[in-house]
C-alpha atoms as a PDB file:
ATOM      1  CA  UNK A   1     104.517  54.078  96.368  1.00  0.00           C
ATOM      2  CA  UNK A   2     104.324  51.140  94.041  1.00  0.00           C
ATOM      3  CA  UNK A   3     101.313  48.844  93.834  1.00  0.00           C
ATOM      4  CA  UNK A   4     101.723  45.754  96.026  1.00  0.00           C
ATOM      5  CA  UNK A   5     102.351  43.509  93.022  1.00  0.00           C
ATOM      6  CA  UNK A   6     105.568  45.476  92.225  1.00  0.00           C
ATOM      7  CA  UNK A   7     106.655  46.170  95.812  1.00  0.00           C
ATOM      8  CA  UNK A   8     108.832  43.046  96.041  1.00  0.00           C
ATOM      9  CA  UNK A   9     110.044  43.136  92.419  1.00  0.00           C
ATOM     10  CA  UNK A  10     113.768  44.006  92.353  1.00  0.00           C
ATOM     11  CA  UNK A  11     113.692  45.277  88.742  1.00  0.00           C
ATOM     12  CA  UNK A  12     110.716  47.573  89.416  1.00  0.00           C
ATOM     13  CA  UNK A  13     112.398  48.947  92.564  1.00  0.00           C
ATOM     14  CA  UNK A  14     115.651  49.747  90.714  1.00  0.00           C
ATOM     15  CA  UNK A  15     113.756  51.300  87.789  1.00  0.00           C
ATOM     16  CA  UNK A  16     111.744  53.569  90.075  1.00  0.00           C
ATOM     17  CA  UNK A  17     114.876  54.479  92.096  1.00  0.00           C
ATOM     18  CA  UNK A  18     116.504  55.678  88.846  1.00  0.00           C
ATOM     19  CA  UNK A  19     113.503  57.860  88.075  1.00  0.00           C
ATOM     20  CA  UNK A  20     113.611  59.270  91.609  1.00  0.00           C
ATOM     21  CA  UNK A  21     117.214  60.405  91.088  1.00  0.00           C
ATOM     22  CA  UNK A  22     116.292  62.131  87.820  1.00  0.00           C
ATOM     23  CA  UNK A  23     113.113  63.814  89.090  1.00  0.00           C
ATOM     24  CA  UNK A  24     114.227  64.719  92.634  1.00  0.00           C
ATOM     25  CA  UNK A  25     115.995  67.973  91.578  1.00  0.00           C
ATOM     26  CA  UNK A  26     112.869  69.098  89.709  1.00  0.00           C
ATOM     27  CA  UNK A  27     110.699  68.415  92.742  1.00  0.00           C
ATOM     28  CA  UNK A  28     113.187  70.289  94.912  1.00  0.00           C
ATOM     29  CA  UNK A  29     113.022  73.368  92.644  1.00  0.00           C
ATOM     30  CA  UNK A  30     109.213  73.278  92.581  1.00  0.00           C
ATOM     31  CA  UNK A  31     109.056  72.911  96.367  1.00  0.00           C
ATOM     32  CA  UNK A  32     111.291  75.997  96.775  1.00  0.00           C
ATOM     33  CA  UNK A  33     109.887  78.009  93.865  1.00  0.00           C
ATOM     34  CA  UNK A  34     108.844  80.990  95.998  1.00  0.00           C
ATOM     35  CA  UNK A  35     112.455  81.384  97.211  1.00  0.00           C
ATOM     36  CA  UNK A  36     113.588  81.880  93.606  1.00  0.00           C
ATOM     37  CA  UNK A  37     111.455  85.036  93.421  1.00  0.00           C
ATOM     38  CA  UNK A  38     112.772  86.460  96.704  1.00  0.00           C
ATOM     39  CA  UNK A  39     116.027  88.311  95.880  1.00  0.00           C
ATOM     40  CA  UNK A  40     117.541  87.716  99.321  1.00  0.00           C
ATOM     41  CA  UNK A  41     117.101  83.932  98.970  1.00  0.00           C
ATOM     42  CA  UNK A  42     117.472  83.228  95.240  1.00  0.00           C
ATOM     43  CA  UNK A  43     120.736  81.923  93.757  1.00  0.00           C
ATOM     44  CA  UNK A  44     122.966  84.727  92.459  1.00  0.00           C
ATOM     45  CA  UNK A  45     122.607  83.765  88.785  1.00  0.00           C
ATOM     46  CA  UNK A  46     118.816  83.685  89.045  1.00  0.00           C
ATOM     47  CA  UNK A  47     118.872  87.022  90.911  1.00  0.00           C
ATOM     48  CA  UNK A  48     120.719  88.599  87.952  1.00  0.00           C
ATOM     49  CA  UNK A  49     118.039  87.202  85.628  1.00  0.00           C
ATOM     50  CA  UNK A  50     115.309  88.439  87.966  1.00  0.00           C
ATOM     51  CA  UNK A  51     116.968  91.870  87.873  1.00  0.00           C
ATOM     52  CA  UNK A  52     116.596  91.936  84.093  1.00  0.00           C
ATOM     53  CA  UNK A  53     112.869  91.203  84.512  1.00  0.00           C
ATOM     54  CA  UNK A  54     112.258  94.142  86.834  1.00  0.00           C
ATOM     55  CA  UNK A  55     114.719  96.570  85.204  1.00  0.00           C
ATOM     56  CA  UNK A  56     116.982  96.791  88.246  1.00  0.00           C
ATOM     57  CA  UNK A  57     119.733  99.426  88.065  1.00  0.00           C
ATOM     58  CA  UNK A  58     122.850  97.375  88.737  1.00  0.00           C
ATOM     59  CA  UNK A  59     125.393  99.980  87.696  1.00  0.00           C
ATOM     60  CA  UNK A  60     128.444 100.415  89.910  1.00  0.00           C
ATOM     61  CA  UNK A  61     132.199 100.810  90.087  1.00  0.00           C
ATOM     62  CA  UNK A  62     134.026  97.701  91.090  1.00  0.00           C
ATOM     63  CA  UNK A  63     133.430  94.838  88.710  1.00  0.00           C
ATOM     64  CA  UNK A  64     133.472  96.661  85.378  1.00  0.00           C
ATOM     65  CA  UNK A  65     136.028  94.935  83.227  1.00  0.00           C
ATOM     66  CA  UNK A  66     137.122  92.586  85.986  1.00  0.00           C
ATOM     67  CA  UNK A  67     137.846  88.955  85.492  1.00  0.00           C
ATOM     68  CA  UNK A  68     135.070  87.904  87.840  1.00  0.00           C
ATOM     69  CA  UNK A  69     132.171  89.127  85.735  1.00  0.00           C
ATOM     70  CA  UNK A  70     129.981  86.235  86.795  1.00  0.00           C
ATOM     71  CA  UNK A  71     128.809  88.007  89.920  1.00  0.00           C
ATOM     72  CA  UNK A  72     127.060  90.813  88.077  1.00  0.00           C
ATOM     73  CA  UNK A  73     127.726  93.496  85.505  1.00  0.00           C
ATOM     74  CA  UNK A  74     129.117  96.756  86.892  1.00  0.00           C
ATOM     75  CA  UNK A  75     127.921  96.252  90.453  1.00  0.00           C
ATOM     76  CA  UNK A  76     128.992  98.425  93.376  1.00  0.00           C
ATOM     77  CA  UNK A  77     131.310  96.891  95.938  1.00  0.00           C
ATOM     78  CA  UNK A  78     129.285  98.289  98.820  1.00  0.00           C
ATOM     79  CA  UNK A  79     125.518  98.438  98.676  1.00  0.00           C
ATOM     80  CA  UNK A  80     123.907 100.907 100.953  1.00  0.00           C
ATOM     81  CA  UNK A  81     121.017  99.019 102.400  1.00  0.00           C
ATOM     82  CA  UNK A  82     121.534  95.424 101.431  1.00  0.00           C
ATOM     83  CA  UNK A  83     119.170  92.860 102.893  1.00  0.00           C
ATOM     84  CA  UNK A  84     120.596  91.224 106.009  1.00  0.00           C
ATOM     85  CA  UNK A  85     119.392  87.808 104.890  1.00  0.00           C
ATOM     86  CA  UNK A  86     120.897  85.977 101.987  1.00  0.00           C
ATOM     87  CA  UNK A  87     123.677  83.512 101.408  1.00  0.00           C
ATOM     88  CA  UNK A  88     126.696  83.546 103.729  1.00  0.00           C
ATOM     89  CA  UNK A  89     129.040  83.082 100.747  1.00  0.00           C
ATOM     90  CA  UNK A  90     127.708  86.208  98.956  1.00  0.00           C
ATOM     91  CA  UNK A  91     130.318  88.700  97.820  1.00  0.00           C
ATOM     92  CA  UNK A  92     129.683  92.404  98.344  1.00  0.00           C
ATOM     93  CA  UNK A  93     128.788  92.719  94.655  1.00  0.00           C
ATOM     94  CA  UNK A  94     126.154  89.981  94.998  1.00  0.00           C
ATOM     95  CA  UNK A  95     124.750  91.653  98.111  1.00  0.00           C
ATOM     96  CA  UNK A  96     124.521  94.891  96.088  1.00  0.00           C
ATOM     97  CA  UNK A  97     122.748  93.022  93.281  1.00  0.00           C
ATOM     98  CA  UNK A  98     120.199  91.624  95.736  1.00  0.00           C
ATOM     99  CA  UNK A  99     119.607  95.134  97.151  1.00  0.00           C
ATOM    100  CA  UNK A 100     119.136  96.583  93.641  1.00  0.00           C
ATOM    101  CA  UNK A 101     116.623  93.910  92.634  1.00  0.00           C
ATOM    102  CA  UNK A 102     114.748  94.294  95.933  1.00  0.00           C
ATOM    103  CA  UNK A 103     114.502  98.086  95.461  1.00  0.00           C
ATOM    104  CA  UNK A 104     113.681  98.030  91.719  1.00  0.00           C
ATOM    105  CA  UNK A 105     109.887  98.059  91.924  1.00  0.00           C
ATOM    106  CA  UNK A 106     109.868 100.793  94.590  1.00  0.00           C
ATOM    107  CA  UNK A 107     112.306 102.886  92.516  1.00  0.00           C
ATOM    108  CA  UNK A 108     110.113 102.557  89.411  1.00  0.00           C
ATOM    109  CA  UNK A 109     107.216 104.069  91.382  1.00  0.00           C
ATOM    110  CA  UNK A 110     109.217 107.217  92.177  1.00  0.00           C
ATOM    111  CA  UNK A 111     111.264 107.401  88.978  1.00  0.00           C
ATOM    112  CA  UNK A 112     111.604 110.927  87.597  1.00  0.00           C
ATOM    113  CA  UNK A 113     111.343 112.544  91.029  1.00  0.00           C
ATOM    114  CA  UNK A 114     114.095 114.050  93.162  1.00  0.00           C
ATOM    115  CA  UNK A 115     113.628 111.296  95.738  1.00  0.00           C
ATOM    116  CA  UNK A 116     113.774 108.564  93.093  1.00  0.00           C
ATOM    117  CA  UNK A 117     116.952 110.018  91.594  1.00  0.00           C
ATOM    118  CA  UNK A 118     118.539 110.347  95.028  1.00  0.00           C
ATOM    119  CA  UNK A 119     117.751 106.746  95.965  1.00  0.00           C
ATOM    120  CA  UNK A 120     118.966 105.379  92.614  1.00  0.00           C
ATOM    121  CA  UNK A 121     122.299 107.198  92.992  1.00  0.00           C
ATOM    122  CA  UNK A 122     122.588 106.149  96.644  1.00  0.00           C
ATOM    123  CA  UNK A 123     121.938 102.520  95.725  1.00  0.00           C
ATOM    124  CA  UNK A 124     124.525 102.555  92.925  1.00  0.00           C
ATOM    125  CA  UNK A 125     127.304 104.509  94.652  1.00  0.00           C
ATOM    126  CA  UNK A 126     126.643 104.006  98.367  1.00  0.00           C
ATOM    127  CA  UNK A 127     126.633 107.751  99.144  1.00  0.00           C
ATOM    128  CA  UNK A 128     123.975 110.448  99.359  1.00  0.00           C
ATOM    129  CA  UNK A 129     124.078 112.734  96.285  1.00  0.00           C
ATOM    130  CA  UNK A 130     123.757 116.505  96.338  1.00  0.00           C
ATOM    131  CA  UNK A 131     120.961 117.485  93.935  1.00  0.00           C
ATOM    132  CA  UNK A 132     120.132 121.010  92.813  1.00  0.00           C
ATOM    133  CA  UNK A 133     117.263 121.707  90.448  1.00  0.00           C
ATOM    134  CA  UNK A 134     115.292 124.618  89.036  1.00  0.00           C
ATOM    135  CA  UNK A 135     111.837 123.499  90.141  1.00  0.00           C
ATOM    136  CA  UNK A 136     110.046 124.793  93.215  1.00  0.00           C
ATOM    137  CA  UNK A 137     106.617 125.014  94.824  1.00  0.00           C
ATOM    138  CA  UNK A 138     105.090 127.831  96.851  1.00  0.00           C
ATOM    139  CA  UNK A 139     101.788 128.963  98.292  1.00  0.00           C
ATOM    140  CA  UNK A 140     100.495 132.528  98.522  1.00  0.00           C
ATOM    141  CA  UNK A 141      97.211 133.876  99.874  1.00  0.00           C
ATOM    142  CA  UNK A 142      97.119 136.537  97.133  1.00  0.00           C
ATOM    143  CA  UNK A 143      96.620 135.681  93.458  1.00  0.00           C
ATOM    144  CA  UNK A 144      99.160 136.483  90.748  1.00  0.00           C
ATOM    145  CA  UNK A 145     102.139 136.064  93.045  1.00  0.00           C
ATOM    146  CA  UNK A 146     105.624 135.359  91.736  1.00  0.00           C
ATOM    147  CA  UNK A 147     106.133 132.017  90.063  1.00  0.00           C
ATOM    148  CA  UNK A 148     108.501 129.856  92.120  1.00  0.00           C
ATOM    149  CA  UNK A 149     111.601 128.259  90.704  1.00  0.00           C
ATOM    150  CA  UNK A 150     113.739 129.364  87.779  1.00  0.00           C
ATOM    151  CA  UNK A 151     112.740 130.050  84.197  1.00  0.00           C
ATOM    152  CA  UNK A 152     115.237 127.664  82.640  1.00  0.00           C
ATOM    153  CA  UNK A 153     114.955 124.048  83.794  1.00  0.00           C
ATOM    154  CA  UNK A 154     118.155 122.451  85.018  1.00  0.00           C
ATOM    155  CA  UNK A 155     119.328 119.594  87.194  1.00  0.00           C
ATOM    156  CA  UNK A 156     122.783 119.134  88.698  1.00  0.00           C
ATOM    157  CA  UNK A 157     123.888 116.037  90.615  1.00  0.00           C
ATOM    158  CA  UNK A 158     127.118 115.954  92.621  1.00  0.00           C
ATOM    159  CA  UNK A 159     128.474 112.801  94.226  1.00  0.00           C
ATOM    160  CA  UNK A 160     131.386 112.855  96.661  1.00  0.00           C
ATOM    161  CA  UNK A 161     133.368 109.621  96.618  1.00  0.00           C
ATOM    162  CA  UNK A 162     136.430 108.844  98.758  1.00  0.00           C
ATOM    163  CA  UNK A 163     138.330 107.279  95.842  1.00  0.00           C
ATOM    164  CA  UNK A 164     136.430 107.688  92.564  1.00  0.00           C
ATOM    165  CA  UNK A 165     137.541 105.537  89.666  1.00  0.00           C
ATOM    166  CA  UNK A 166     137.990 107.077  86.192  1.00  0.00           C
ATOM    167  CA  UNK A 167     134.593 105.824  84.984  1.00  0.00           C
ATOM    168  CA  UNK A 168     132.582 107.100  87.988  1.00  0.00           C
ATOM    169  CA  UNK A 169     131.408 110.285  86.251  1.00  0.00           C
ATOM    170  CA  UNK A 170     130.360 108.356  83.144  1.00  0.00           C
ATOM    171  CA  UNK A 171     128.393 105.865  85.272  1.00  0.00           C
ATOM    172  CA  UNK A 172     126.749 108.729  87.179  1.00  0.00           C
ATOM    173  CA  UNK A 173     125.801 110.433  83.911  1.00  0.00           C
ATOM    174  CA  UNK A 174     124.177 107.257  82.568  1.00  0.00           C
ATOM    175  CA  UNK A 175     122.310 106.719  85.821  1.00  0.00           C
ATOM    176  CA  UNK A 176     121.019 110.317  85.992  1.00  0.00           C
ATOM    177  CA  UNK A 177     119.986 110.212  82.316  1.00  0.00           C
ATOM    178  CA  UNK A 178     117.850 107.154  83.063  1.00  0.00           C
ATOM    179  CA  UNK A 179     116.317 108.358  86.352  1.00  0.00           C
ATOM    180  CA  UNK A 180     115.743 112.116  85.747  1.00  0.00           C
ATOM    181  CA  UNK A 181     112.517 113.718  84.535  1.00  0.00           C
ATOM    182  CA  UNK A 182     112.418 113.255  80.755  1.00  0.00           C
ATOM    183  CA  UNK A 183     112.370 116.967  79.848  1.00  0.00           C
ATOM    184  CA  UNK A 184     115.123 118.093  82.223  1.00  0.00           C
ATOM    185  CA  UNK A 185     118.609 119.082  80.998  1.00  0.00           C
ATOM    186  CA  UNK A 186     121.221 117.887  83.480  1.00  0.00           C
ATOM    187  CA  UNK A 187     124.867 117.989  84.498  1.00  0.00           C
ATOM    188  CA  UNK A 188     126.799 115.679  86.807  1.00  0.00           C
ATOM    189  CA  UNK A 189     129.983 116.006  88.817  1.00  0.00           C
ATOM    190  CA  UNK A 190     132.048 113.560  90.882  1.00  0.00           C
ATOM    191  CA  UNK A 191     134.244 115.036  93.599  1.00  0.00           C
ATOM    192  CA  UNK A 192     136.463 113.829  96.418  1.00  0.00           C
ATOM    193  CA  UNK A 193     136.105 114.985 100.024  1.00  0.00           C
ATOM    194  CA  UNK A 194     138.224 117.955 101.031  1.00  0.00           C
ATOM    195  CA  UNK A 195     141.227 116.879 103.043  1.00  0.00           C
ATOM    196  CA  UNK A 196     142.052 118.919 106.105  1.00  0.00           C
ATOM    197  CA  UNK A 197     145.552 118.921 107.507  1.00  0.00           C
ATOM    198  CA  UNK A 198     145.843 117.938 111.168  1.00  0.00           C
ATOM    199  CA  UNK A 199     148.125 120.286 113.118  1.00  0.00           C
END
């Protein structure tokens, strides 16, 4: 609102209208600022940036080396539990990015555990991994019972994918190396489901 002395001045009105056009986008961003920090509502480019803030694991099979690298680096085509809200024009890779950023803080809390590793692999590949490890826990009423688990630590992660791409095992290895307990030697394996002949 202009003071009354300028309200009828044509030059003042046009000058202020020009400033309104310049400042309106800034006001719009500030009015919607909380939406920028909600992965299901934020623009895709800002969601990628937000993912770098929270260390989101956005590793996946479909966009590596593709021409459309603007959606996100190495994102899976199908996210497992992507938020139902978001933009209608989102591609599957963008939906996967939003799911990864949403889950990042929760995954950091359980990083280095079997559950954390399982969820990180499930988020990246869209399937439940098979994890075998040497650790164990047991309870015995008598002291000096046998120690549970195996003497040599080991971790093995197997993922069964319908159509694995050539880089799937490398991506799985990088993901497991980042999400495993720090001291644990590990191996990974990517398989395809066994086909049964129908007779």
